[in-house]
Amino acid sequence: MKHKLVFAAFLALSAVAASAPEGAQATEWLFNLENRSTANVTTFRTQENGTWSGNWLDEIIVPGETFEMDFGTNEGDCTVRTRIEFTDGTYVDTDIDYCNMTTITVRNNDVIWK
């Protein structure tokens, strides 16, 4: 089952965008979030200046589901610290390059993107 989540805004990164090198940004940050773990994904957070955002998800992503996500902007740093939490209490926490990927795949112990 494929769902679509659209984010009205992706952090307040416009100030950071001015310092990004030319060509370092994609035209838009659209991507698929695939849950290939054995637990439900409950939370998707990003970090800016050491502070975690609220949960970007408004529903649980069960194993095998794919969500189409859209941050609604391409402004800011391409690489953003991201934390994804599961119903079993575990989580993955990593830097993701949102400018150079189309799919984030969440697995039991890690996250990969391509």
N, C-alpha and C. Protein backbone atom coordinates (compact mmCIF):
# COMPACT_ATOMS: atom_id res chain seq x y z
N MET A 1 0.85 -1.17 0.00
CA MET A 1 0.00 0.00 0.00
C MET A 1 0.89 1.23 0.00
N LYS A 2 0.57 2.21 -0.82
CA LYS A 2 1.38 3.42 -0.91
C LYS A 2 0.57 4.60 -0.40
N HIS A 3 1.17 5.36 0.49
CA HIS A 3 0.54 6.54 1.07
C HIS A 3 1.33 7.76 0.63
N LYS A 4 0.73 8.92 0.77
CA LYS A 4 1.42 10.16 0.43
C LYS A 4 1.30 11.13 1.58
N LEU A 5 2.44 11.63 2.03
CA LEU A 5 2.49 12.67 3.04
C LEU A 5 3.15 13.89 2.43
N VAL A 6 2.54 15.02 2.57
CA VAL A 6 3.11 16.27 2.07
C VAL A 6 3.36 17.17 3.26
N PHE A 7 4.59 17.64 3.39
CA PHE A 7 4.95 18.54 4.48
C PHE A 7 4.83 19.97 3.99
N ALA A 8 4.12 20.78 4.72
CA ALA A 8 3.95 22.18 4.34
C ALA A 8 5.28 22.91 4.39
N ALA A 9 6.12 22.54 5.33
CA ALA A 9 7.44 23.15 5.43
C ALA A 9 8.40 22.15 6.02
N PHE A 10 9.64 22.23 5.66
CA PHE A 10 10.66 21.34 6.19
C PHE A 10 11.67 22.18 6.96
N LEU A 11 11.42 22.28 8.26
CA LEU A 11 12.26 23.07 9.15
C LEU A 11 12.39 24.51 8.66
N ALA A 12 13.05 25.30 9.38
CA ALA A 12 13.29 26.69 8.95
C ALA A 12 14.71 26.75 8.42
N LEU A 13 14.90 26.22 7.23
CA LEU A 13 16.25 26.09 6.69
C LEU A 13 16.60 27.14 5.65
N SER A 14 15.75 28.09 5.42
CA SER A 14 16.03 29.05 4.36
C SER A 14 17.31 29.84 4.60
N ALA A 15 17.63 30.10 5.84
CA ALA A 15 18.86 30.83 6.14
C ALA A 15 20.08 30.00 5.80
N VAL A 16 19.99 28.70 6.00
CA VAL A 16 21.10 27.81 5.69
C VAL A 16 21.25 27.66 4.18
N ALA A 17 20.15 27.76 3.45
CA ALA A 17 20.18 27.58 2.00
C ALA A 17 21.12 28.55 1.32
N ALA A 18 21.20 29.75 1.83
CA ALA A 18 22.05 30.77 1.22
C ALA A 18 23.52 30.37 1.27
N SER A 19 23.90 29.54 2.25
CA SER A 19 25.29 29.15 2.38
C SER A 19 25.62 27.86 1.64
N ALA A 20 24.62 27.18 1.08
CA ALA A 20 24.85 25.93 0.36
C ALA A 20 25.51 26.23 -0.98
N PRO A 21 26.48 25.40 -1.39
CA PRO A 21 27.13 25.62 -2.68
C PRO A 21 26.15 25.46 -3.83
N GLU A 22 26.38 26.24 -4.88
CA GLU A 22 25.50 26.17 -6.04
C GLU A 22 25.54 24.76 -6.62
N GLY A 23 24.39 24.24 -7.00
CA GLY A 23 24.31 22.90 -7.55
C GLY A 23 24.19 21.81 -6.50
N ALA A 24 24.25 22.17 -5.23
CA ALA A 24 24.20 21.17 -4.18
C ALA A 24 22.78 20.78 -3.81
N GLN A 25 21.80 21.47 -4.39
CA GLN A 25 20.42 21.20 -4.03
C GLN A 25 19.68 20.57 -5.20
N ALA A 26 18.77 19.68 -4.89
CA ALA A 26 17.90 19.08 -5.90
C ALA A 26 16.78 20.06 -6.22
N THR A 27 16.03 19.77 -7.26
CA THR A 27 14.94 20.66 -7.62
C THR A 27 13.80 20.60 -6.60
N GLU A 28 13.61 19.47 -5.96
CA GLU A 28 12.63 19.34 -4.89
C GLU A 28 12.97 18.10 -4.07
N TRP A 29 12.53 18.06 -2.84
CA TRP A 29 12.82 16.92 -1.98
C TRP A 29 11.60 16.04 -1.90
N LEU A 30 11.41 15.21 -2.92
CA LEU A 30 10.37 14.20 -2.96
C LEU A 30 11.06 12.85 -2.81
N PHE A 31 10.50 11.97 -2.00
CA PHE A 31 11.12 10.66 -1.85
C PHE A 31 10.10 9.66 -1.32
N ASN A 32 10.43 8.40 -1.47
CA ASN A 32 9.64 7.32 -0.91
C ASN A 32 10.28 6.86 0.39
N LEU A 33 9.45 6.59 1.39
CA LEU A 33 9.91 6.02 2.65
C LEU A 33 9.35 4.61 2.72
N GLU A 34 10.24 3.62 2.62
CA GLU A 34 9.83 2.22 2.64
C GLU A 34 10.13 1.61 4.00
N ASN A 35 9.17 0.91 4.57
CA ASN A 35 9.39 0.20 5.82
C ASN A 35 9.66 -1.27 5.48
N ARG A 36 10.92 -1.65 5.55
CA ARG A 36 11.34 -3.04 5.30
C ARG A 36 11.82 -3.68 6.60
N SER A 37 11.37 -3.14 7.72
CA SER A 37 11.71 -3.71 9.02
C SER A 37 10.61 -4.68 9.45
N THR A 38 10.76 -5.24 10.64
CA THR A 38 9.73 -6.14 11.17
C THR A 38 8.81 -5.43 12.17
N ALA A 39 9.02 -4.13 12.38
CA ALA A 39 8.19 -3.36 13.32
C ALA A 39 7.55 -2.18 12.61
N ASN A 40 6.51 -1.64 13.18
CA ASN A 40 5.86 -0.45 12.64
C ASN A 40 6.73 0.78 12.88
N VAL A 41 6.80 1.67 11.90
CA VAL A 41 7.46 2.96 12.06
C VAL A 41 6.44 3.93 12.64
N THR A 42 6.79 4.56 13.76
CA THR A 42 5.86 5.48 14.41
C THR A 42 6.28 6.94 14.30
N THR A 43 7.58 7.18 14.14
CA THR A 43 8.08 8.55 14.21
C THR A 43 9.17 8.78 13.16
N PHE A 44 9.12 9.96 12.52
CA PHE A 44 10.13 10.40 11.56
C PHE A 44 10.47 11.83 11.95
N ARG A 45 11.69 12.04 12.49
CA ARG A 45 12.10 13.37 12.96
C ARG A 45 13.38 13.80 12.26
N THR A 46 13.53 15.10 12.09
CA THR A 46 14.76 15.67 11.56
C THR A 46 15.34 16.63 12.60
N GLN A 47 16.63 16.88 12.47
CA GLN A 47 17.30 17.72 13.47
C GLN A 47 17.91 18.95 12.83
N GLU A 48 17.76 20.07 13.53
CA GLU A 48 18.40 21.31 13.12
C GLU A 48 18.95 21.98 14.35
N ASN A 49 20.22 22.37 14.29
CA ASN A 49 20.89 23.06 15.41
C ASN A 49 20.73 22.30 16.73
N GLY A 50 20.82 20.96 16.67
CA GLY A 50 20.75 20.15 17.88
C GLY A 50 19.36 19.90 18.43
N THR A 51 18.32 20.39 17.75
CA THR A 51 16.94 20.22 18.22
C THR A 51 16.16 19.35 17.25
N TRP A 52 15.47 18.34 17.78
CA TRP A 52 14.65 17.46 16.94
C TRP A 52 13.32 18.12 16.62
N SER A 53 12.86 17.91 15.40
CA SER A 53 11.55 18.39 14.97
C SER A 53 10.46 17.55 15.64
N GLY A 54 9.23 17.98 15.45
CA GLY A 54 8.10 17.14 15.82
C GLY A 54 8.04 15.97 14.86
N ASN A 55 7.13 15.06 15.10
CA ASN A 55 6.96 13.89 14.25
C ASN A 55 6.35 14.31 12.91
N TRP A 56 7.04 14.03 11.80
CA TRP A 56 6.54 14.36 10.47
C TRP A 56 5.40 13.43 10.05
N LEU A 57 5.28 12.26 10.70
CA LEU A 57 4.25 11.29 10.30
C LEU A 57 2.95 11.54 11.05
N ASP A 58 1.85 11.37 10.36
CA ASP A 58 0.55 11.48 11.02
C ASP A 58 -0.14 10.12 11.14
N GLU A 59 0.56 9.07 10.72
CA GLU A 59 0.05 7.71 10.89
C GLU A 59 1.23 6.74 10.92
N ILE A 60 0.96 5.53 11.35
CA ILE A 60 1.99 4.49 11.47
C ILE A 60 2.24 3.87 10.10
N ILE A 61 3.50 3.54 9.84
CA ILE A 61 3.87 2.84 8.61
C ILE A 61 4.17 1.39 8.98
N VAL A 62 3.33 0.49 8.55
CA VAL A 62 3.51 -0.93 8.87
C VAL A 62 4.54 -1.56 7.94
N PRO A 63 5.16 -2.67 8.36
CA PRO A 63 6.14 -3.34 7.50
C PRO A 63 5.55 -3.64 6.12
N GLY A 64 6.34 -3.34 5.09
CA GLY A 64 5.92 -3.56 3.71
C GLY A 64 5.28 -2.35 3.06
N GLU A 65 4.90 -1.34 3.83
CA GLU A 65 4.28 -0.14 3.26
C GLU A 65 5.34 0.85 2.76
N THR A 66 4.94 1.64 1.77
CA THR A 66 5.76 2.71 1.23
C THR A 66 4.96 3.99 1.27
N PHE A 67 5.58 5.05 1.76
CA PHE A 67 4.96 6.37 1.78
C PHE A 67 5.70 7.27 0.82
N GLU A 68 4.96 8.06 0.05
CA GLU A 68 5.57 9.10 -0.76
C GLU A 68 5.60 10.35 0.11
N MET A 69 6.78 10.90 0.29
CA MET A 69 6.95 12.06 1.16
C MET A 69 7.47 13.25 0.37
N ASP A 70 7.07 14.44 0.79
CA ASP A 70 7.43 15.68 0.12
C ASP A 70 7.64 16.73 1.20
N PHE A 71 8.88 17.23 1.33
CA PHE A 71 9.16 18.26 2.32
C PHE A 71 8.66 19.63 1.89
N GLY A 72 8.22 19.76 0.65
CA GLY A 72 7.65 21.01 0.20
C GLY A 72 8.67 22.09 -0.08
N THR A 73 9.94 21.76 -0.05
CA THR A 73 11.01 22.72 -0.31
C THR A 73 12.27 21.96 -0.69
N ASN A 74 13.22 22.66 -1.26
CA ASN A 74 14.54 22.10 -1.51
C ASN A 74 15.59 23.01 -0.88
N GLU A 75 15.15 23.88 0.01
CA GLU A 75 16.05 24.83 0.64
C GLU A 75 16.71 24.22 1.87
N GLY A 76 17.94 24.62 2.11
CA GLY A 76 18.66 24.16 3.29
C GLY A 76 19.76 23.19 2.94
N ASP A 77 20.42 22.71 3.98
CA ASP A 77 21.48 21.72 3.80
C ASP A 77 20.89 20.45 3.23
N CYS A 78 21.62 19.81 2.34
CA CYS A 78 21.17 18.54 1.77
C CYS A 78 21.21 17.43 2.82
N THR A 79 22.23 17.44 3.65
CA THR A 79 22.40 16.38 4.65
C THR A 79 21.76 16.81 5.95
N VAL A 80 20.80 16.00 6.40
CA VAL A 80 20.02 16.32 7.59
C VAL A 80 20.00 15.10 8.51
N ARG A 81 20.31 15.33 9.78
CA ARG A 81 20.21 14.25 10.78
C ARG A 81 18.76 13.82 10.88
N THR A 82 18.52 12.51 10.81
CA THR A 82 17.17 11.96 10.78
C THR A 82 17.07 10.80 11.76
N ARG A 83 15.97 10.77 12.51
CA ARG A 83 15.72 9.70 13.48
C ARG A 83 14.36 9.08 13.17
N ILE A 84 14.37 7.75 13.03
CA ILE A 84 13.15 7.00 12.73
C ILE A 84 12.95 6.00 13.87
N GLU A 85 11.75 6.06 14.49
CA GLU A 85 11.47 5.23 15.66
C GLU A 85 10.42 4.17 15.33
N PHE A 86 10.51 3.04 16.06
CA PHE A 86 9.63 1.90 15.83
C PHE A 86 8.77 1.60 17.06
N THR A 87 7.69 0.84 16.86
CA THR A 87 6.79 0.48 17.95
C THR A 87 7.46 -0.40 19.00
N ASP A 88 8.54 -1.09 18.65
CA ASP A 88 9.21 -1.95 19.62
C ASP A 88 10.21 -1.19 20.50
N GLY A 89 10.25 0.15 20.37
CA GLY A 89 11.12 0.97 21.20
C GLY A 89 12.50 1.21 20.61
N THR A 90 12.83 0.58 19.51
CA THR A 90 14.12 0.80 18.87
C THR A 90 14.02 1.99 17.91
N TYR A 91 15.18 2.45 17.44
CA TYR A 91 15.21 3.54 16.47
C TYR A 91 16.50 3.48 15.67
N VAL A 92 16.51 4.19 14.55
CA VAL A 92 17.72 4.41 13.77
C VAL A 92 17.91 5.92 13.69
N ASP A 93 19.16 6.34 13.72
CA ASP A 93 19.51 7.76 13.78
C ASP A 93 20.72 7.94 12.88
N THR A 94 20.58 8.70 11.79
CA THR A 94 21.66 8.84 10.84
C THR A 94 21.53 10.14 10.05
N ASP A 95 22.61 10.55 9.41
CA ASP A 95 22.59 11.67 8.48
C ASP A 95 22.14 11.15 7.12
N ILE A 96 21.16 11.83 6.51
CA ILE A 96 20.66 11.45 5.19
C ILE A 96 20.84 12.62 4.23
N ASP A 97 21.35 12.33 3.04
CA ASP A 97 21.51 13.33 2.00
C ASP A 97 20.23 13.36 1.16
N TYR A 98 19.35 14.31 1.45
CA TYR A 98 18.05 14.39 0.79
C TYR A 98 18.15 14.88 -0.65
N CYS A 99 19.25 15.49 -1.04
CA CYS A 99 19.40 15.99 -2.41
C CYS A 99 19.78 14.88 -3.38
N ASN A 100 20.34 13.82 -2.88
CA ASN A 100 20.88 12.78 -3.76
C ASN A 100 20.25 11.42 -3.54
N MET A 101 18.94 11.41 -3.31
CA MET A 101 18.25 10.13 -3.16
C MET A 101 16.80 10.28 -3.56
N THR A 102 16.16 9.13 -3.82
CA THR A 102 14.74 9.10 -4.13
C THR A 102 13.98 8.16 -3.21
N THR A 103 14.71 7.29 -2.52
CA THR A 103 14.07 6.31 -1.64
C THR A 103 14.88 6.14 -0.36
N ILE A 104 14.18 6.21 0.78
CA ILE A 104 14.77 5.84 2.07
C ILE A 104 14.15 4.51 2.45
N THR A 105 14.99 3.53 2.70
CA THR A 105 14.52 2.21 3.11
C THR A 105 14.91 1.99 4.57
N VAL A 106 13.89 1.78 5.40
CA VAL A 106 14.09 1.55 6.83
C VAL A 106 14.14 0.05 7.04
N ARG A 107 15.24 -0.42 7.67
CA ARG A 107 15.37 -1.83 7.99
C ARG A 107 15.45 -1.97 9.50
N ASN A 108 15.60 -3.17 10.02
CA ASN A 108 15.59 -3.39 11.47
C ASN A 108 16.65 -2.60 12.21
N ASN A 109 17.85 -2.53 11.68
CA ASN A 109 18.94 -1.90 12.42
C ASN A 109 19.58 -0.72 11.71
N ASP A 110 19.06 -0.36 10.55
CA ASP A 110 19.67 0.76 9.84
C ASP A 110 18.71 1.35 8.81
N VAL A 111 19.21 2.38 8.15
CA VAL A 111 18.47 3.06 7.09
C VAL A 111 19.42 3.19 5.91
N ILE A 112 18.92 2.89 4.73
CA ILE A 112 19.73 3.10 3.52
C ILE A 112 18.93 4.01 2.59
N TRP A 113 19.61 4.70 1.74
CA TRP A 113 18.93 5.55 0.76
C TRP A 113 19.66 5.46 -0.56
N LYS A 114 18.89 5.68 -1.62
CA LYS A 114 19.45 5.61 -2.97
C LYS A 114 18.71 6.56 -3.87
